[in-house]
Amino acid sequence: MTNKDTTAPRERLGGRREQFDVPTIAEALRQAAGVISLAAARLKISRTALYQYFDRHPELHDVRREIEEETLDLAEAGLLEQIRDKNMTALIFYLKTKGKQRGYVERSEVTGPNGRPVSVQVSADNLSVDDALRLEELAKRAANPQPAGA
């Protein structure tokens, strides 16, 4: 069994060699925080060309996922700093997203006047004849459901 280096540039169909090896693309992704268009710009290739590298080198997906996880870690660390500094926006954001089990949830309740149920009035006066007939047919079906496959 031979160990094939999958990171080195390789020949593509048509005999052309790839322009970049996997480590070069991985480094461009790291410098661009995993943002495809930024990494492509660093490499001076199109986004489409970069996605083609991903197709030919699936390990690049793992590189990008790892970069995204590292970026999330950075964002969380920054959020914690803001919380320690008592930044009200950061505090509210954290409680809304992580404090739900403790009741920090925004809910919208829809009620009628004085907390009563919402009053709904339905009128068929403005329906076309076709719509009225269709509605009548649906009401009949709802009142007398047929078994499946009947």
Protein backbone atom coordinates (compact mmCIF):
# COMPACT_ATOMS: atom_id res chain seq x y z
CA MET A 1 0.00 0.00 0.00
CA THR A 2 1.34 3.45 -0.92
CA ASN A 3 0.85 6.57 1.11
CA LYS A 4 -0.35 9.22 -1.27
CA ASP A 5 0.16 12.85 -0.26
CA THR A 6 -3.30 14.38 -0.67
CA THR A 7 -2.10 17.82 0.35
CA ALA A 8 0.26 18.43 -2.57
CA PRO A 9 -0.95 19.93 -5.84
CA ARG A 10 -2.05 17.16 -8.15
CA GLU A 11 -2.83 16.77 -11.78
CA ARG A 12 -6.39 17.40 -12.81
CA LEU A 13 -8.21 16.10 -15.84
CA GLY A 14 -6.59 17.47 -18.94
CA GLY A 15 -3.12 17.09 -17.43
CA ARG A 16 -3.05 20.50 -15.72
CA ARG A 17 -1.57 20.69 -12.26
CA GLU A 18 -3.46 22.39 -9.46
CA GLN A 19 -2.26 25.89 -8.69
CA PHE A 20 -2.28 25.48 -4.87
CA ASP A 21 -1.66 22.71 -2.38
CA VAL A 22 -4.01 22.04 0.55
CA PRO A 23 -1.81 23.75 3.20
CA THR A 24 -1.75 26.95 1.13
CA ILE A 25 -5.53 26.95 0.81
CA ALA A 26 -5.94 26.11 4.51
CA GLU A 27 -3.73 29.07 5.43
CA ALA A 28 -5.75 31.40 3.19
CA LEU A 29 -8.92 30.13 4.90
CA ARG A 30 -7.38 30.77 8.34
CA GLN A 31 -6.34 34.30 7.39
CA ALA A 32 -9.89 34.92 6.11
CA ALA A 33 -11.57 33.40 9.21
CA GLY A 34 -13.17 30.77 6.97
CA VAL A 35 -14.95 33.30 4.73
CA ILE A 36 -14.80 31.81 1.23
CA SER A 37 -14.88 35.06 -0.75
CA LEU A 38 -12.06 36.55 1.37
CA ALA A 39 -9.92 33.41 1.09
CA ALA A 40 -10.47 33.33 -2.68
CA ALA A 41 -9.44 36.98 -2.93
CA ARG A 42 -6.24 36.24 -0.97
CA LEU A 43 -5.45 33.43 -3.41
CA LYS A 44 -6.48 35.60 -6.38
CA ILE A 45 -8.96 33.00 -7.62
CA SER A 46 -12.75 32.98 -7.92
CA ARG A 47 -15.06 31.64 -5.25
CA THR A 48 -16.09 28.95 -7.75
CA ALA A 49 -12.46 27.87 -8.18
CA LEU A 50 -12.06 27.68 -4.40
CA TYR A 51 -15.22 25.57 -4.08
CA GLN A 52 -13.74 23.25 -6.72
CA TYR A 53 -10.74 22.74 -4.45
CA PHE A 54 -13.18 21.80 -1.68
CA ASP A 55 -14.75 19.24 -4.03
CA ARG A 56 -11.36 17.72 -4.87
CA HIS A 57 -10.00 17.90 -1.30
CA PRO A 58 -12.79 17.08 1.19
CA GLU A 59 -10.36 17.62 4.09
CA LEU A 60 -10.74 21.35 3.43
CA HIS A 61 -14.28 21.11 4.83
CA ASP A 62 -12.78 19.96 8.15
CA VAL A 63 -10.32 22.87 8.07
CA ARG A 64 -13.15 25.34 7.53
CA ARG A 65 -15.29 23.81 10.31
CA GLU A 66 -12.34 24.04 12.71
CA ILE A 67 -11.78 27.69 11.78
CA GLU A 68 -15.48 28.44 12.36
CA GLU A 69 -15.31 26.77 15.78
CA GLU A 70 -12.24 28.84 16.69
CA THR A 71 -14.03 32.00 15.57
CA LEU A 72 -17.05 31.08 17.70
CA ASP A 73 -14.72 30.58 20.66
CA LEU A 74 -13.29 34.07 20.07
CA ALA A 75 -16.77 35.58 19.85
CA GLU A 76 -17.83 33.84 23.06
CA ALA A 77 -14.69 35.08 24.82
CA GLY A 78 -15.45 38.62 23.64
CA LEU A 79 -19.03 38.31 24.85
CA LEU A 80 -17.84 37.15 28.27
CA GLU A 81 -15.52 40.17 28.48
CA GLN A 82 -18.47 42.43 27.71
CA ILE A 83 -20.56 40.67 30.37
CA ARG A 84 -17.78 41.15 32.94
CA ASP A 85 -17.70 44.85 32.00
CA LYS A 86 -21.47 44.92 32.69
CA ASN A 87 -22.39 45.83 29.11
CA MET A 88 -26.20 45.80 29.27
CA THR A 89 -26.65 44.68 25.65
CA ALA A 90 -24.29 41.74 26.20
CA LEU A 91 -26.04 40.82 29.45
CA ILE A 92 -29.48 40.86 27.83
CA PHE A 93 -28.25 38.89 24.80
CA TYR A 94 -26.68 36.22 27.00
CA LEU A 95 -29.74 35.85 29.21
CA LYS A 96 -32.08 35.62 26.21
CA THR A 97 -29.96 32.96 24.51
CA LYS A 98 -28.54 30.97 27.43
CA GLY A 99 -30.90 31.78 30.30
CA LYS A 100 -34.14 30.40 28.85
CA GLN A 101 -34.35 27.58 31.40
CA ARG A 102 -34.40 30.26 34.10
CA GLY A 103 -37.24 32.18 32.51
CA TYR A 104 -35.30 34.77 30.52
CA VAL A 105 -37.47 34.44 27.45
CA GLU A 106 -39.30 37.09 25.49
CA ARG A 107 -42.80 36.07 24.61
CA SER A 108 -45.44 37.94 22.72
CA GLU A 109 -48.96 37.37 23.89
CA VAL A 110 -51.82 38.39 21.68
CA THR A 111 -55.04 39.25 23.47
CA GLY A 112 -58.09 41.29 22.82
CA PRO A 113 -59.16 44.34 24.84
CA ASN A 114 -58.71 43.96 28.62
CA GLY A 115 -56.87 40.64 28.21
CA ARG A 116 -59.85 38.89 26.68
CA PRO A 117 -59.55 36.51 23.73
CA VAL A 118 -59.10 38.04 20.31
CA SER A 119 -62.44 38.42 18.59
CA VAL A 120 -62.52 37.03 15.06
CA GLN A 121 -65.43 37.70 12.77
CA VAL A 122 -65.69 35.80 9.52
CA SER A 123 -67.91 36.89 6.69
CA ALA A 124 -68.53 35.18 3.37
CA ASP A 125 -70.11 38.33 1.94
CA ASN A 126 -67.06 39.25 -0.13
CA LEU A 127 -66.35 35.77 -1.51
CA SER A 128 -66.81 35.01 -5.19
CA VAL A 129 -69.38 32.33 -6.06
CA ASP A 130 -66.55 29.89 -6.89
CA ASP A 131 -64.82 30.55 -3.57
CA ALA A 132 -68.11 30.18 -1.67
CA LEU A 133 -68.80 26.83 -3.37
CA ARG A 134 -65.24 25.66 -2.65
CA LEU A 135 -65.62 26.70 1.00
CA GLU A 136 -68.93 24.84 1.24
CA GLU A 137 -67.29 21.70 -0.19
CA LEU A 138 -64.42 21.94 2.30
CA ALA A 139 -66.86 22.36 5.19
CA LYS A 140 -68.75 19.23 4.07
CA ARG A 141 -65.51 17.24 3.88
CA ALA A 142 -64.47 18.42 7.33
CA ALA A 143 -67.86 17.38 8.75
CA ASN A 144 -67.74 13.93 7.08
CA PRO A 145 -64.09 12.84 6.77
CA GLN A 146 -63.44 9.85 4.51
CA PRO A 147 -61.07 7.09 5.60
CA ALA A 148 -57.68 7.14 3.86
CA GLY A 149 -57.73 5.36 0.50
CA ALA A 150 -61.52 5.46 0.21
